[in-house]
Amino acid sequence: MRQFTLLAVLALITSGIHAQDVDSLNIESPAEQVFSLDNQSEIVGDTLEKKGFFGLMKKLGVSGYIFPLAEISAIEESSSFAFGGGAAVMFTKFQVGGFVQIYDGTFSRRIIFPNFFSLDYSYGGGFLNYQVVKVGGTALLFEGQFGVGEAAWSHDETDEVLETDHFIIINPRIGMDMRLSKLTTLNISLGYRIVQGLEIQEIKGSALNSLTLSGALKIGWFKR
């Protein structure tokens, strides 16, 4: 009888120890494991954002934006309108990026009687802006565009291209950035476009030299 009682006590003690060992393993159900993995992924993502690429960009003071733009200029005595866009990165007081502008044919000439042809031209390249001074959400910029372009005479009715040529463009400008929100900034710029290398009938390259007035809406991540 004593032996039977002793064996029963030992069995109870062994069962208790085994139960404690199972609890110490903390075995999770499949649903709990999935939830745990999701939390770990969020933690990893937050860590990468704060200490990885975005953290590095923030530490270096680098940000960026994209923008649509519109511009008005002149060909001889006629107005010319352009639409385009681009993208840029910002660091310290500099903005470096690329752009493209397309002018629709609003300048027309009778080149082959009785046909009229319109001058279509476009150009693109890079730009460098430097922030001279900033007061609140407004900044004054020195800006410079540089690139290459193409001009073509196209028939007003059939769009048949008569002649094309290429040119180089430089456009020093003075601009102003006006902060609208955390993600948007309005830019207004006044410049003087200088065109070199254009040789096309009925027009000289200097005819594209003109004052330019442009507006752009910068959309992106502004560091401040």
N, C-alpha and C. Protein backbone atom coordinates (compact mmCIF):
# COMPACT_ATOMS: atom_id res chain seq x y z
N MET A 1 0.84 -1.21 0.00
CA MET A 1 0.00 0.00 0.00
C MET A 1 0.87 1.25 0.00
N ARG A 2 1.91 1.24 0.83
CA ARG A 2 2.83 2.38 0.87
C ARG A 2 3.53 2.57 -0.48
N GLN A 3 3.90 1.41 -1.09
CA GLN A 3 4.55 1.52 -2.41
C GLN A 3 3.61 2.14 -3.44
N PHE A 4 2.35 1.75 -3.41
CA PHE A 4 1.37 2.30 -4.36
C PHE A 4 1.19 3.80 -4.13
N THR A 5 1.13 4.23 -2.86
CA THR A 5 0.99 5.66 -2.55
C THR A 5 2.19 6.45 -3.02
N LEU A 6 3.40 5.90 -2.83
CA LEU A 6 4.63 6.57 -3.25
C LEU A 6 4.67 6.75 -4.77
N LEU A 7 4.24 5.68 -5.49
CA LEU A 7 4.21 5.75 -6.96
C LEU A 7 3.22 6.82 -7.44
N ALA A 8 2.08 6.94 -6.77
CA ALA A 8 1.09 7.94 -7.14
C ALA A 8 1.62 9.35 -6.94
N VAL A 9 2.31 9.59 -5.81
CA VAL A 9 2.90 10.90 -5.54
C VAL A 9 3.94 11.26 -6.59
N LEU A 10 4.79 10.27 -6.95
CA LEU A 10 5.82 10.51 -7.97
C LEU A 10 5.19 10.85 -9.31
N ALA A 11 4.08 10.17 -9.65
CA ALA A 11 3.40 10.44 -10.92
C ALA A 11 2.85 11.85 -10.96
N LEU A 12 2.25 12.31 -9.84
CA LEU A 12 1.73 13.67 -9.78
C LEU A 12 2.84 14.71 -9.93
N ILE A 13 3.97 14.48 -9.26
CA ILE A 13 5.11 15.42 -9.35
C ILE A 13 5.64 15.49 -10.77
N THR A 14 5.74 14.31 -11.42
CA THR A 14 6.25 14.25 -12.80
C THR A 14 5.32 14.99 -13.76
N SER A 15 3.99 14.82 -13.55
CA SER A 15 3.02 15.51 -14.40
C SER A 15 3.14 17.01 -14.25
N GLY A 16 3.33 17.50 -13.03
CA GLY A 16 3.46 18.93 -12.79
C GLY A 16 4.70 19.50 -13.45
N ILE A 17 5.82 18.75 -13.34
CA ILE A 17 7.05 19.23 -13.98
C ILE A 17 6.90 19.28 -15.48
N HIS A 18 6.24 18.27 -16.06
CA HIS A 18 6.04 18.23 -17.50
C HIS A 18 5.15 19.39 -17.97
N ALA A 19 4.12 19.71 -17.19
CA ALA A 19 3.24 20.81 -17.54
C ALA A 19 4.00 22.14 -17.51
N GLN A 20 4.89 22.31 -16.52
CA GLN A 20 5.69 23.53 -16.45
C GLN A 20 6.62 23.65 -17.63
N ASP A 21 7.19 22.52 -18.06
CA ASP A 21 8.10 22.54 -19.22
C ASP A 21 7.36 22.94 -20.49
N VAL A 22 6.14 22.45 -20.68
CA VAL A 22 5.35 22.80 -21.86
C VAL A 22 5.01 24.27 -21.87
N ASP A 23 4.61 24.80 -20.67
CA ASP A 23 4.30 26.22 -20.59
C ASP A 23 5.53 27.08 -20.88
N SER A 24 6.70 26.61 -20.42
CA SER A 24 7.91 27.39 -20.64
C SER A 24 8.29 27.45 -22.10
N LEU A 25 7.84 26.47 -22.89
CA LEU A 25 8.13 26.49 -24.33
C LEU A 25 7.35 27.57 -25.05
N ASN A 26 6.21 28.01 -24.48
CA ASN A 26 5.38 29.07 -25.05
C ASN A 26 5.05 28.79 -26.52
N ILE A 27 4.51 27.65 -26.81
CA ILE A 27 4.16 27.25 -28.17
C ILE A 27 2.95 28.04 -28.63
N GLU A 28 3.09 28.72 -29.81
CA GLU A 28 2.02 29.57 -30.33
C GLU A 28 1.21 28.82 -31.37
N SER A 29 -0.04 29.20 -31.48
CA SER A 29 -0.89 28.64 -32.52
C SER A 29 -0.48 29.23 -33.86
N PRO A 30 -0.90 28.61 -34.99
CA PRO A 30 -0.56 29.18 -36.31
C PRO A 30 -1.03 30.62 -36.47
N ALA A 31 -2.22 30.95 -36.00
CA ALA A 31 -2.72 32.31 -36.11
C ALA A 31 -1.84 33.28 -35.33
N GLU A 32 -1.43 32.87 -34.12
CA GLU A 32 -0.56 33.72 -33.31
C GLU A 32 0.80 33.91 -33.99
N GLN A 33 1.29 32.86 -34.67
CA GLN A 33 2.57 32.97 -35.36
C GLN A 33 2.48 33.96 -36.51
N VAL A 34 1.39 33.93 -37.28
CA VAL A 34 1.21 34.86 -38.39
C VAL A 34 1.14 36.29 -37.88
N PHE A 35 0.39 36.51 -36.80
CA PHE A 35 0.29 37.85 -36.21
C PHE A 35 1.65 38.33 -35.74
N SER A 36 2.44 37.43 -35.17
CA SER A 36 3.77 37.78 -34.71
C SER A 36 4.68 38.17 -35.86
N LEU A 37 4.57 37.44 -36.98
CA LEU A 37 5.39 37.76 -38.16
C LEU A 37 5.02 39.12 -38.73
N ASP A 38 3.72 39.44 -38.74
CA ASP A 38 3.28 40.74 -39.23
C ASP A 38 3.87 41.86 -38.38
N ASN A 39 3.84 41.67 -37.07
CA ASN A 39 4.40 42.69 -36.18
C ASN A 39 5.89 42.86 -36.40
N GLN A 40 6.59 41.72 -36.62
CA GLN A 40 8.02 41.80 -36.86
C GLN A 40 8.32 42.53 -38.16
N SER A 41 7.48 42.30 -39.20
CA SER A 41 7.67 42.98 -40.48
C SER A 41 7.50 44.49 -40.33
N GLU A 42 6.47 44.90 -39.54
CA GLU A 42 6.26 46.32 -39.31
C GLU A 42 7.45 46.93 -38.56
N ILE A 43 7.96 46.19 -37.60
CA ILE A 43 9.10 46.69 -36.83
C ILE A 43 10.31 46.85 -37.73
N VAL A 44 10.54 45.84 -38.59
CA VAL A 44 11.68 45.91 -39.52
C VAL A 44 11.51 47.08 -40.47
N GLY A 45 10.28 47.27 -41.01
CA GLY A 45 10.03 48.39 -41.92
C GLY A 45 10.27 49.72 -41.25
N ASP A 46 9.78 49.87 -40.02
CA ASP A 46 9.99 51.12 -39.29
C ASP A 46 11.47 51.37 -39.05
N THR A 47 12.18 50.31 -38.74
CA THR A 47 13.61 50.44 -38.47
C THR A 47 14.35 50.87 -39.71
N LEU A 48 14.00 50.26 -40.86
CA LEU A 48 14.65 50.63 -42.12
C LEU A 48 14.37 52.08 -42.47
N GLU A 49 13.12 52.51 -42.23
CA GLU A 49 12.75 53.88 -42.57
C GLU A 49 13.49 54.88 -41.70
N LYS A 50 13.66 54.54 -40.43
CA LYS A 50 14.28 55.48 -39.50
C LYS A 50 15.81 55.42 -39.55
N LYS A 51 16.35 54.21 -39.75
CA LYS A 51 17.79 54.06 -39.67
C LYS A 51 18.43 53.61 -40.98
N GLY A 52 17.58 53.27 -41.98
CA GLY A 52 18.11 52.79 -43.25
C GLY A 52 18.20 53.91 -44.27
N PHE A 53 17.68 53.65 -45.49
CA PHE A 53 17.81 54.61 -46.59
C PHE A 53 17.19 55.95 -46.25
N PHE A 54 15.93 55.94 -45.77
CA PHE A 54 15.26 57.20 -45.48
C PHE A 54 15.93 57.93 -44.33
N GLY A 55 16.40 57.15 -43.37
CA GLY A 55 17.12 57.77 -42.27
C GLY A 55 18.39 58.44 -42.73
N LEU A 56 19.09 57.77 -43.66
CA LEU A 56 20.31 58.34 -44.21
C LEU A 56 20.02 59.61 -45.00
N MET A 57 18.94 59.56 -45.83
CA MET A 57 18.57 60.74 -46.60
C MET A 57 18.22 61.92 -45.69
N LYS A 58 17.51 61.61 -44.62
CA LYS A 58 17.14 62.67 -43.67
C LYS A 58 18.38 63.25 -43.00
N LYS A 59 19.31 62.37 -42.65
CA LYS A 59 20.53 62.83 -42.00
C LYS A 59 21.35 63.71 -42.93
N LEU A 60 21.37 63.36 -44.23
CA LEU A 60 22.12 64.14 -45.21
C LEU A 60 21.35 65.37 -45.68
N GLY A 61 20.09 65.48 -45.29
CA GLY A 61 19.28 66.63 -45.71
C GLY A 61 18.83 66.54 -47.15
N VAL A 62 18.63 65.31 -47.67
CA VAL A 62 18.25 65.11 -49.07
C VAL A 62 16.75 64.85 -49.17
N SER A 63 16.10 65.48 -50.14
CA SER A 63 14.69 65.24 -50.41
C SER A 63 14.48 65.36 -51.92
N GLY A 64 13.24 65.25 -52.39
CA GLY A 64 13.02 65.28 -53.83
C GLY A 64 11.58 65.61 -54.19
N TYR A 65 11.37 65.86 -55.49
CA TYR A 65 10.03 66.21 -55.96
C TYR A 65 9.91 65.97 -57.46
N ILE A 66 8.67 65.91 -57.93
CA ILE A 66 8.34 65.92 -59.36
C ILE A 66 7.50 67.16 -59.63
N PHE A 67 7.36 67.53 -60.91
CA PHE A 67 6.60 68.75 -61.18
C PHE A 67 6.09 68.78 -62.61
N PRO A 68 4.85 69.25 -62.81
CA PRO A 68 4.38 69.68 -64.13
C PRO A 68 4.72 71.17 -64.27
N LEU A 69 4.87 71.63 -65.51
CA LEU A 69 5.21 73.03 -65.71
C LEU A 69 4.50 73.59 -66.94
N ALA A 70 4.38 74.90 -66.97
CA ALA A 70 3.86 75.64 -68.12
C ALA A 70 4.73 76.86 -68.31
N GLU A 71 4.98 77.23 -69.57
CA GLU A 71 5.87 78.35 -69.84
C GLU A 71 5.38 79.15 -71.04
N ILE A 72 5.56 80.46 -70.97
CA ILE A 72 5.26 81.34 -72.08
C ILE A 72 6.55 82.06 -72.49
N SER A 73 6.79 82.11 -73.80
CA SER A 73 7.96 82.80 -74.34
C SER A 73 7.55 83.43 -75.67
N ALA A 74 8.52 83.74 -76.53
CA ALA A 74 8.20 84.40 -77.79
C ALA A 74 9.09 83.90 -78.91
N ILE A 75 8.53 83.91 -80.13
CA ILE A 75 9.30 83.71 -81.36
C ILE A 75 9.08 84.97 -82.18
N GLU A 76 10.17 85.74 -82.33
CA GLU A 76 10.05 87.05 -82.95
C GLU A 76 8.97 87.86 -82.20
N GLU A 77 7.83 88.17 -82.83
CA GLU A 77 6.80 88.95 -82.14
C GLU A 77 5.58 88.12 -81.77
N SER A 78 5.69 86.80 -81.89
CA SER A 78 4.56 85.91 -81.58
C SER A 78 4.79 85.20 -80.25
N SER A 79 3.72 85.02 -79.48
CA SER A 79 3.79 84.28 -78.22
C SER A 79 3.86 82.79 -78.48
N SER A 80 4.53 82.09 -77.59
CA SER A 80 4.68 80.65 -77.71
C SER A 80 4.46 80.02 -76.34
N PHE A 81 3.68 78.93 -76.30
CA PHE A 81 3.33 78.30 -75.04
C PHE A 81 3.91 76.88 -74.99
N ALA A 82 4.39 76.50 -73.81
CA ALA A 82 4.98 75.17 -73.63
C ALA A 82 4.40 74.51 -72.39
N PHE A 83 4.35 73.18 -72.45
CA PHE A 83 3.98 72.36 -71.30
C PHE A 83 5.02 71.26 -71.15
N GLY A 84 5.22 70.83 -69.93
CA GLY A 84 6.22 69.79 -69.70
C GLY A 84 6.25 69.37 -68.25
N GLY A 85 7.40 68.88 -67.84
CA GLY A 85 7.55 68.41 -66.47
C GLY A 85 8.95 67.93 -66.21
N GLY A 86 9.17 67.42 -64.99
CA GLY A 86 10.49 66.94 -64.63
C GLY A 86 10.53 66.43 -63.21
N ALA A 87 11.74 66.21 -62.72
CA ALA A 87 11.95 65.71 -61.36
C ALA A 87 13.29 66.20 -60.86
N ALA A 88 13.45 66.25 -59.54
CA ALA A 88 14.69 66.77 -58.97
C ALA A 88 14.92 66.21 -57.57
N VAL A 89 16.16 66.30 -57.13
CA VAL A 89 16.52 66.01 -55.74
C VAL A 89 17.03 67.31 -55.12
N MET A 90 16.85 67.43 -53.82
CA MET A 90 17.26 68.62 -53.09
C MET A 90 18.23 68.23 -51.99
N PHE A 91 19.31 69.00 -51.84
CA PHE A 91 20.22 68.81 -50.72
C PHE A 91 20.85 70.15 -50.37
N THR A 92 20.94 70.40 -49.08
CA THR A 92 21.35 71.70 -48.54
C THR A 92 20.56 72.80 -49.26
N LYS A 93 21.25 73.66 -50.03
CA LYS A 93 20.56 74.75 -50.72
C LYS A 93 20.46 74.52 -52.22
N PHE A 94 20.77 73.32 -52.68
CA PHE A 94 20.78 73.04 -54.11
C PHE A 94 19.62 72.12 -54.53
N GLN A 95 19.17 72.33 -55.77
CA GLN A 95 18.18 71.46 -56.40
C GLN A 95 18.75 71.05 -57.76
N VAL A 96 18.84 69.74 -58.00
CA VAL A 96 19.41 69.23 -59.25
C VAL A 96 18.42 68.27 -59.87
N GLY A 97 18.13 68.45 -61.17
CA GLY A 97 17.15 67.57 -61.79
C GLY A 97 17.15 67.64 -63.30
N GLY A 98 16.10 67.08 -63.88
CA GLY A 98 15.94 67.07 -65.32
C GLY A 98 14.54 67.52 -65.71
N PHE A 99 14.37 67.93 -66.97
CA PHE A 99 13.09 68.46 -67.42
C PHE A 99 12.92 68.21 -68.91
N VAL A 100 11.68 68.37 -69.39
CA VAL A 100 11.37 68.36 -70.81
C VAL A 100 10.23 69.35 -71.06
N GLN A 101 10.30 70.09 -72.17
CA GLN A 101 9.27 71.07 -72.53
C GLN A 101 8.91 70.90 -74.00
N ILE A 102 7.62 70.97 -74.29
CA ILE A 102 7.11 70.81 -75.65
C ILE A 102 6.29 72.03 -76.03
N TYR A 103 6.66 72.65 -77.14
CA TYR A 103 5.94 73.83 -77.64
C TYR A 103 5.09 73.42 -78.83
N ASP A 104 3.81 73.74 -78.76
CA ASP A 104 2.93 73.46 -79.89
C ASP A 104 3.04 74.60 -80.90
N GLY A 105 2.81 74.25 -82.17
CA GLY A 105 3.04 75.22 -83.22
C GLY A 105 2.06 76.37 -83.24
N THR A 106 2.45 77.52 -82.68
CA THR A 106 1.62 78.72 -82.75
C THR A 106 2.27 79.77 -83.65
N PHE A 107 3.46 79.46 -84.17
CA PHE A 107 4.17 80.37 -85.06
C PHE A 107 4.11 79.78 -86.47
N SER A 108 3.47 80.49 -87.40
CA SER A 108 3.20 79.94 -88.73
C SER A 108 3.76 80.85 -89.81
N ARG A 109 4.25 80.21 -90.89
CA ARG A 109 4.78 80.94 -92.04
C ARG A 109 4.34 80.27 -93.34
N ARG A 110 4.17 81.07 -94.41
CA ARG A 110 3.92 80.51 -95.74
C ARG A 110 5.29 80.27 -96.39
N ILE A 111 5.72 79.02 -96.38
CA ILE A 111 7.05 78.69 -96.88
C ILE A 111 6.99 78.26 -98.34
N ILE A 112 6.07 77.36 -98.68
CA ILE A 112 5.87 76.92 -100.06
C ILE A 112 4.45 77.34 -100.46
N PHE A 113 4.35 78.34 -101.31
CA PHE A 113 3.03 78.89 -101.67
C PHE A 113 2.15 77.78 -102.29
N PRO A 114 0.89 77.67 -101.85
CA PRO A 114 0.15 78.53 -100.90
C PRO A 114 0.08 77.91 -99.51
N ASN A 115 1.01 77.03 -99.19
CA ASN A 115 0.93 76.24 -97.96
C ASN A 115 1.55 76.98 -96.76
N PHE A 116 0.87 76.84 -95.62
CA PHE A 116 1.40 77.38 -94.37
C PHE A 116 2.00 76.25 -93.54
N PHE A 117 3.10 76.57 -92.86
CA PHE A 117 3.77 75.61 -91.99
C PHE A 117 3.94 76.23 -90.61
N SER A 118 3.80 75.40 -89.59
CA SER A 118 3.97 75.85 -88.20
C SER A 118 5.28 75.32 -87.63
N LEU A 119 5.91 76.12 -86.78
CA LEU A 119 7.16 75.73 -86.16
C LEU A 119 6.88 75.05 -84.82
N ASP A 120 7.16 73.76 -84.77
CA ASP A 120 7.06 73.01 -83.52
C ASP A 120 8.46 72.77 -82.98
N TYR A 121 8.65 72.98 -81.69
CA TYR A 121 9.97 72.69 -81.12
C TYR A 121 9.83 72.23 -79.67
N SER A 122 10.81 71.48 -79.25
CA SER A 122 10.83 70.95 -77.89
C SER A 122 12.28 70.81 -77.46
N TYR A 123 12.49 70.80 -76.16
CA TYR A 123 13.85 70.58 -75.65
C TYR A 123 13.78 70.04 -74.23
N GLY A 124 14.88 69.46 -73.81
CA GLY A 124 14.98 68.91 -72.47
C GLY A 124 16.43 68.84 -72.05
N GLY A 125 16.63 68.60 -70.78
CA GLY A 125 18.00 68.54 -70.27
C GLY A 125 18.02 68.56 -68.75
N GLY A 126 18.97 69.28 -68.19
CA GLY A 126 19.11 69.34 -66.75
C GLY A 126 18.97 70.76 -66.23
N PHE A 127 18.87 70.86 -64.92
CA PHE A 127 18.83 72.20 -64.31
C PHE A 127 19.48 72.15 -62.93
N LEU A 128 19.97 73.30 -62.53
CA LEU A 128 20.58 73.46 -61.22
C LEU A 128 20.04 74.74 -60.59
N ASN A 129 19.43 74.61 -59.42
CA ASN A 129 18.89 75.76 -58.69
C ASN A 129 19.67 75.95 -57.39
N TYR A 130 19.87 77.19 -57.02
CA TYR A 130 20.55 77.51 -55.76
C TYR A 130 19.68 78.46 -54.95
N GLN A 131 19.43 78.09 -53.71
CA GLN A 131 18.60 78.91 -52.82
C GLN A 131 19.44 80.04 -52.23
N VAL A 132 19.10 81.27 -52.61
CA VAL A 132 19.86 82.44 -52.14
C VAL A 132 19.44 82.82 -50.73
N VAL A 133 18.15 82.93 -50.53
CA VAL A 133 17.65 83.33 -49.22
C VAL A 133 16.27 82.70 -49.03
N LYS A 134 15.91 82.43 -47.78
CA LYS A 134 14.61 81.87 -47.47
C LYS A 134 14.03 82.57 -46.26
N VAL A 135 12.78 83.01 -46.40
CA VAL A 135 12.06 83.66 -45.30
C VAL A 135 10.74 82.93 -45.13
N GLY A 136 10.58 82.24 -44.02
CA GLY A 136 9.37 81.46 -43.79
C GLY A 136 9.24 80.38 -44.85
N GLY A 137 8.09 80.36 -45.55
CA GLY A 137 7.86 79.36 -46.58
C GLY A 137 8.19 79.83 -47.98
N THR A 138 8.89 80.98 -48.10
CA THR A 138 9.23 81.54 -49.42
C THR A 138 10.74 81.61 -49.58
N ALA A 139 11.22 81.17 -50.76
CA ALA A 139 12.66 81.16 -51.03
C ALA A 139 12.95 81.79 -52.38
N LEU A 140 14.05 82.55 -52.45
CA LEU A 140 14.52 83.13 -53.70
C LEU A 140 15.63 82.24 -54.27
N LEU A 141 15.54 81.93 -55.58
CA LEU A 141 16.46 80.99 -56.21
C LEU A 141 17.17 81.59 -57.41
N PHE A 142 18.43 81.23 -57.59
CA PHE A 142 19.11 81.39 -58.86
C PHE A 142 18.99 80.05 -59.58
N GLU A 143 18.47 80.06 -60.82
CA GLU A 143 18.20 78.82 -61.54
C GLU A 143 18.89 78.83 -62.90
N GLY A 144 19.26 77.64 -63.36
CA GLY A 144 19.88 77.52 -64.66
C GLY A 144 19.44 76.26 -65.38
N GLN A 145 18.88 76.41 -66.59
CA GLN A 145 18.51 75.28 -67.44
C GLN A 145 19.55 75.13 -68.55
N PHE A 146 19.83 73.89 -68.91
CA PHE A 146 20.72 73.63 -70.04
C PHE A 146 20.29 72.32 -70.68
N GLY A 147 20.29 72.31 -72.04
CA GLY A 147 19.83 71.09 -72.70
C GLY A 147 19.95 71.18 -74.21
N VAL A 148 19.31 70.24 -74.88
CA VAL A 148 19.29 70.19 -76.34
C VAL A 148 17.85 70.06 -76.80
N GLY A 149 17.59 70.49 -78.05
CA GLY A 149 16.22 70.44 -78.54
C GLY A 149 16.15 70.20 -80.03
N GLU A 150 14.92 70.12 -80.52
CA GLU A 150 14.67 69.90 -81.94
C GLU A 150 13.55 70.83 -82.39
N ALA A 151 13.72 71.42 -83.58
CA ALA A 151 12.69 72.27 -84.17
C ALA A 151 12.32 71.71 -85.54
N ALA A 152 11.04 71.87 -85.92
CA ALA A 152 10.58 71.32 -87.20
C ALA A 152 9.46 72.18 -87.76
N TRP A 153 9.50 72.38 -89.09
CA TRP A 153 8.38 72.97 -89.81
C TRP A 153 7.43 71.86 -90.21
N SER A 154 6.16 71.95 -89.80
CA SER A 154 5.17 70.94 -90.17
C SER A 154 3.98 71.61 -90.83
N HIS A 155 3.43 70.93 -91.82
CA HIS A 155 2.30 71.46 -92.60
C HIS A 155 1.09 71.66 -91.70
N ASP A 156 0.43 72.81 -91.81
CA ASP A 156 -0.70 73.12 -90.93
C ASP A 156 -1.85 72.14 -91.07
N GLU A 157 -2.06 71.58 -92.26
CA GLU A 157 -3.21 70.71 -92.49
C GLU A 157 -2.86 69.23 -92.43
N THR A 158 -1.73 68.85 -92.99
CA THR A 158 -1.39 67.43 -93.08
C THR A 158 -0.39 66.98 -92.01
N ASP A 159 0.22 67.95 -91.30
CA ASP A 159 1.27 67.66 -90.31
C ASP A 159 2.53 67.05 -90.94
N GLU A 160 2.63 67.11 -92.24
CA GLU A 160 3.83 66.61 -92.91
C GLU A 160 5.02 67.50 -92.54
N VAL A 161 6.14 66.87 -92.16
CA VAL A 161 7.32 67.61 -91.73
C VAL A 161 8.15 68.02 -92.94
N LEU A 162 8.43 69.30 -93.04
CA LEU A 162 9.21 69.83 -94.16
C LEU A 162 10.70 69.80 -93.86
N GLU A 163 11.06 70.21 -92.63
CA GLU A 163 12.48 70.31 -92.28
C GLU A 163 12.63 70.26 -90.77
N THR A 164 13.74 69.68 -90.31
CA THR A 164 14.04 69.63 -88.87
C THR A 164 15.49 70.02 -88.64
N ASP A 165 15.76 70.47 -87.43
CA ASP A 165 17.14 70.77 -87.04
C ASP A 165 17.22 70.72 -85.51
N HIS A 166 18.45 70.63 -84.99
CA HIS A 166 18.67 70.54 -83.55
C HIS A 166 19.41 71.77 -83.04
N PHE A 167 19.30 72.01 -81.75
CA PHE A 167 19.92 73.20 -81.18
C PHE A 167 20.27 72.96 -79.71
N ILE A 168 21.03 73.91 -79.17
CA ILE A 168 21.42 73.91 -77.75
C ILE A 168 20.72 75.07 -77.07
N ILE A 169 20.28 74.84 -75.83
CA ILE A 169 19.55 75.88 -75.11
C ILE A 169 20.17 76.09 -73.72
N ILE A 170 20.28 77.36 -73.34
CA ILE A 170 20.71 77.76 -72.00
C ILE A 170 19.71 78.81 -71.51
N ASN A 171 19.24 78.65 -70.29
CA ASN A 171 18.23 79.57 -69.79
C ASN A 171 18.52 79.92 -68.32
N PRO A 172 19.30 81.00 -68.06
CA PRO A 172 19.47 81.47 -66.68
C PRO A 172 18.20 82.14 -66.20
N ARG A 173 17.82 81.86 -64.94
CA ARG A 173 16.54 82.36 -64.45
C ARG A 173 16.66 82.80 -62.98
N ILE A 174 15.72 83.61 -62.57
CA ILE A 174 15.49 83.94 -61.17
C ILE A 174 14.13 83.39 -60.80
N GLY A 175 14.09 82.60 -59.73
CA GLY A 175 12.83 81.96 -59.37
C GLY A 175 12.46 82.17 -57.92
N MET A 176 11.21 81.85 -57.62
CA MET A 176 10.71 81.95 -56.25
C MET A 176 9.89 80.70 -55.93
N ASP A 177 10.24 80.04 -54.84
CA ASP A 177 9.49 78.91 -54.32
C ASP A 177 8.58 79.39 -53.20
N MET A 178 7.29 79.05 -53.30
CA MET A 178 6.32 79.42 -52.27
C MET A 178 5.67 78.15 -51.73
N ARG A 179 5.92 77.82 -50.49
CA ARG A 179 5.41 76.59 -49.88
C ARG A 179 3.91 76.67 -49.69
N LEU A 180 3.17 75.70 -50.27
CA LEU A 180 1.72 75.66 -50.13
C LEU A 180 1.27 74.69 -49.04
N SER A 181 1.97 73.57 -48.92
CA SER A 181 1.66 72.56 -47.91
C SER A 181 2.91 71.73 -47.67
N LYS A 182 2.77 70.68 -46.87
CA LYS A 182 3.92 69.83 -46.59
C LYS A 182 4.42 69.11 -47.84
N LEU A 183 3.53 68.92 -48.83
CA LEU A 183 3.89 68.15 -50.01
C LEU A 183 3.91 68.96 -51.30
N THR A 184 3.55 70.23 -51.26
CA THR A 184 3.47 71.03 -52.49
C THR A 184 4.14 72.39 -52.33
N THR A 185 4.81 72.81 -53.41
CA THR A 185 5.45 74.12 -53.47
C THR A 185 5.22 74.70 -54.86
N LEU A 186 4.83 75.96 -54.93
CA LEU A 186 4.62 76.64 -56.20
C LEU A 186 5.88 77.42 -56.57
N ASN A 187 6.35 77.22 -57.82
CA ASN A 187 7.53 77.92 -58.30
C ASN A 187 7.16 78.84 -59.46
N ILE A 188 7.60 80.07 -59.39
CA ILE A 188 7.45 81.04 -60.48
C ILE A 188 8.85 81.51 -60.87
N SER A 189 9.17 81.47 -62.18
CA SER A 189 10.52 81.81 -62.63
C SER A 189 10.48 82.74 -63.83
N LEU A 190 11.43 83.68 -63.87
CA LEU A 190 11.61 84.59 -64.99
C LEU A 190 13.03 84.41 -65.51
N GLY A 191 13.17 84.15 -66.81
CA GLY A 191 14.50 83.91 -67.36
C GLY A 191 14.66 84.45 -68.76
N TYR A 192 15.84 84.17 -69.33
CA TYR A 192 16.11 84.57 -70.71
C TYR A 192 16.71 83.37 -71.43
N ARG A 193 15.97 82.83 -72.40
CA ARG A 193 16.40 81.64 -73.14
C ARG A 193 17.36 82.03 -74.27
N ILE A 194 18.50 81.35 -74.33
CA ILE A 194 19.50 81.56 -75.38
C ILE A 194 19.62 80.27 -76.18
N VAL A 195 19.40 80.36 -77.50
CA VAL A 195 19.43 79.21 -78.39
C VAL A 195 20.61 79.33 -79.36
N GLN A 196 21.36 78.26 -79.48
CA GLN A 196 22.51 78.24 -80.38
C GLN A 196 22.45 77.00 -81.28
N GLY A 197 22.92 77.16 -82.53
CA GLY A 197 23.07 76.02 -83.42
C GLY A 197 21.88 75.70 -84.29
N LEU A 198 20.82 76.50 -84.24
CA LEU A 198 19.63 76.22 -85.05
C LEU A 198 19.78 76.85 -86.43
N GLU A 199 19.70 76.04 -87.47
CA GLU A 199 19.76 76.51 -88.85
C GLU A 199 18.61 75.88 -89.61
N ILE A 200 17.56 76.64 -89.79
CA ILE A 200 16.35 76.16 -90.45
C ILE A 200 15.79 77.29 -91.30
N GLN A 201 15.24 76.97 -92.45
CA GLN A 201 14.82 78.02 -93.38
C GLN A 201 13.71 78.89 -92.78
N GLU A 202 13.73 80.13 -93.21
CA GLU A 202 12.73 81.13 -92.82
C GLU A 202 12.85 81.62 -91.39
N ILE A 203 13.84 81.11 -90.67
CA ILE A 203 13.98 81.58 -89.28
C ILE A 203 15.43 81.40 -88.83
N LYS A 204 15.92 82.34 -88.06
CA LYS A 204 17.26 82.26 -87.51
C LYS A 204 17.18 81.71 -86.08
N GLY A 205 18.26 81.11 -85.65
CA GLY A 205 18.29 80.56 -84.30
C GLY A 205 18.05 81.61 -83.24
N SER A 206 18.53 82.84 -83.51
CA SER A 206 18.34 83.92 -82.54
C SER A 206 16.88 84.29 -82.36
N ALA A 207 16.02 83.87 -83.31
CA ALA A 207 14.59 84.18 -83.18
C ALA A 207 13.97 83.48 -81.99
N LEU A 208 14.61 82.41 -81.51
CA LEU A 208 14.09 81.69 -80.33
C LEU A 208 14.64 82.26 -79.03
N ASN A 209 15.59 83.19 -79.13
CA ASN A 209 16.07 83.86 -77.92
C ASN A 209 14.93 84.72 -77.37
N SER A 210 14.60 84.52 -76.11
CA SER A 210 13.40 85.18 -75.60
C SER A 210 13.37 85.19 -74.08
N LEU A 211 12.67 86.17 -73.54
CA LEU A 211 12.30 86.11 -72.13
C LEU A 211 11.34 84.94 -71.91
N THR A 212 11.43 84.31 -70.77
CA THR A 212 10.53 83.19 -70.44
C THR A 212 9.92 83.42 -69.08
N LEU A 213 8.65 83.11 -68.97
CA LEU A 213 7.93 83.16 -67.70
C LEU A 213 7.29 81.79 -67.49
N SER A 214 7.67 81.13 -66.43
CA SER A 214 7.21 79.75 -66.21
C SER A 214 6.66 79.56 -64.81
N GLY A 215 5.78 78.59 -64.70
CA GLY A 215 5.22 78.20 -63.41
C GLY A 215 5.25 76.69 -63.28
N ALA A 216 5.57 76.21 -62.10
CA ALA A 216 5.64 74.77 -61.85
C ALA A 216 5.08 74.46 -60.47
N LEU A 217 4.43 73.32 -60.35
CA LEU A 217 3.93 72.86 -59.06
C LEU A 217 4.78 71.68 -58.62
N LYS A 218 5.61 71.91 -57.62
CA LYS A 218 6.51 70.87 -57.12
C LYS A 218 5.75 70.01 -56.10
N ILE A 219 5.76 68.71 -56.35
CA ILE A 219 5.04 67.76 -55.50
C ILE A 219 6.04 66.71 -55.01
N GLY A 220 6.22 66.61 -53.70
CA GLY A 220 7.16 65.62 -53.22
C GLY A 220 7.42 65.72 -51.72
N TRP A 221 8.59 65.21 -51.36
CA TRP A 221 9.00 65.12 -49.96
C TRP A 221 9.98 66.26 -49.70
N PHE A 222 9.52 67.28 -48.98
CA PHE A 222 10.36 68.42 -48.67
C PHE A 222 10.85 68.30 -47.23
N LYS A 223 12.15 68.35 -47.04
CA LYS A 223 12.73 68.06 -45.73
C LYS A 223 12.35 69.10 -44.69
N ARG A 224 11.99 70.29 -45.15
CA ARG A 224 11.56 71.34 -44.21
C ARG A 224 10.80 72.43 -44.93
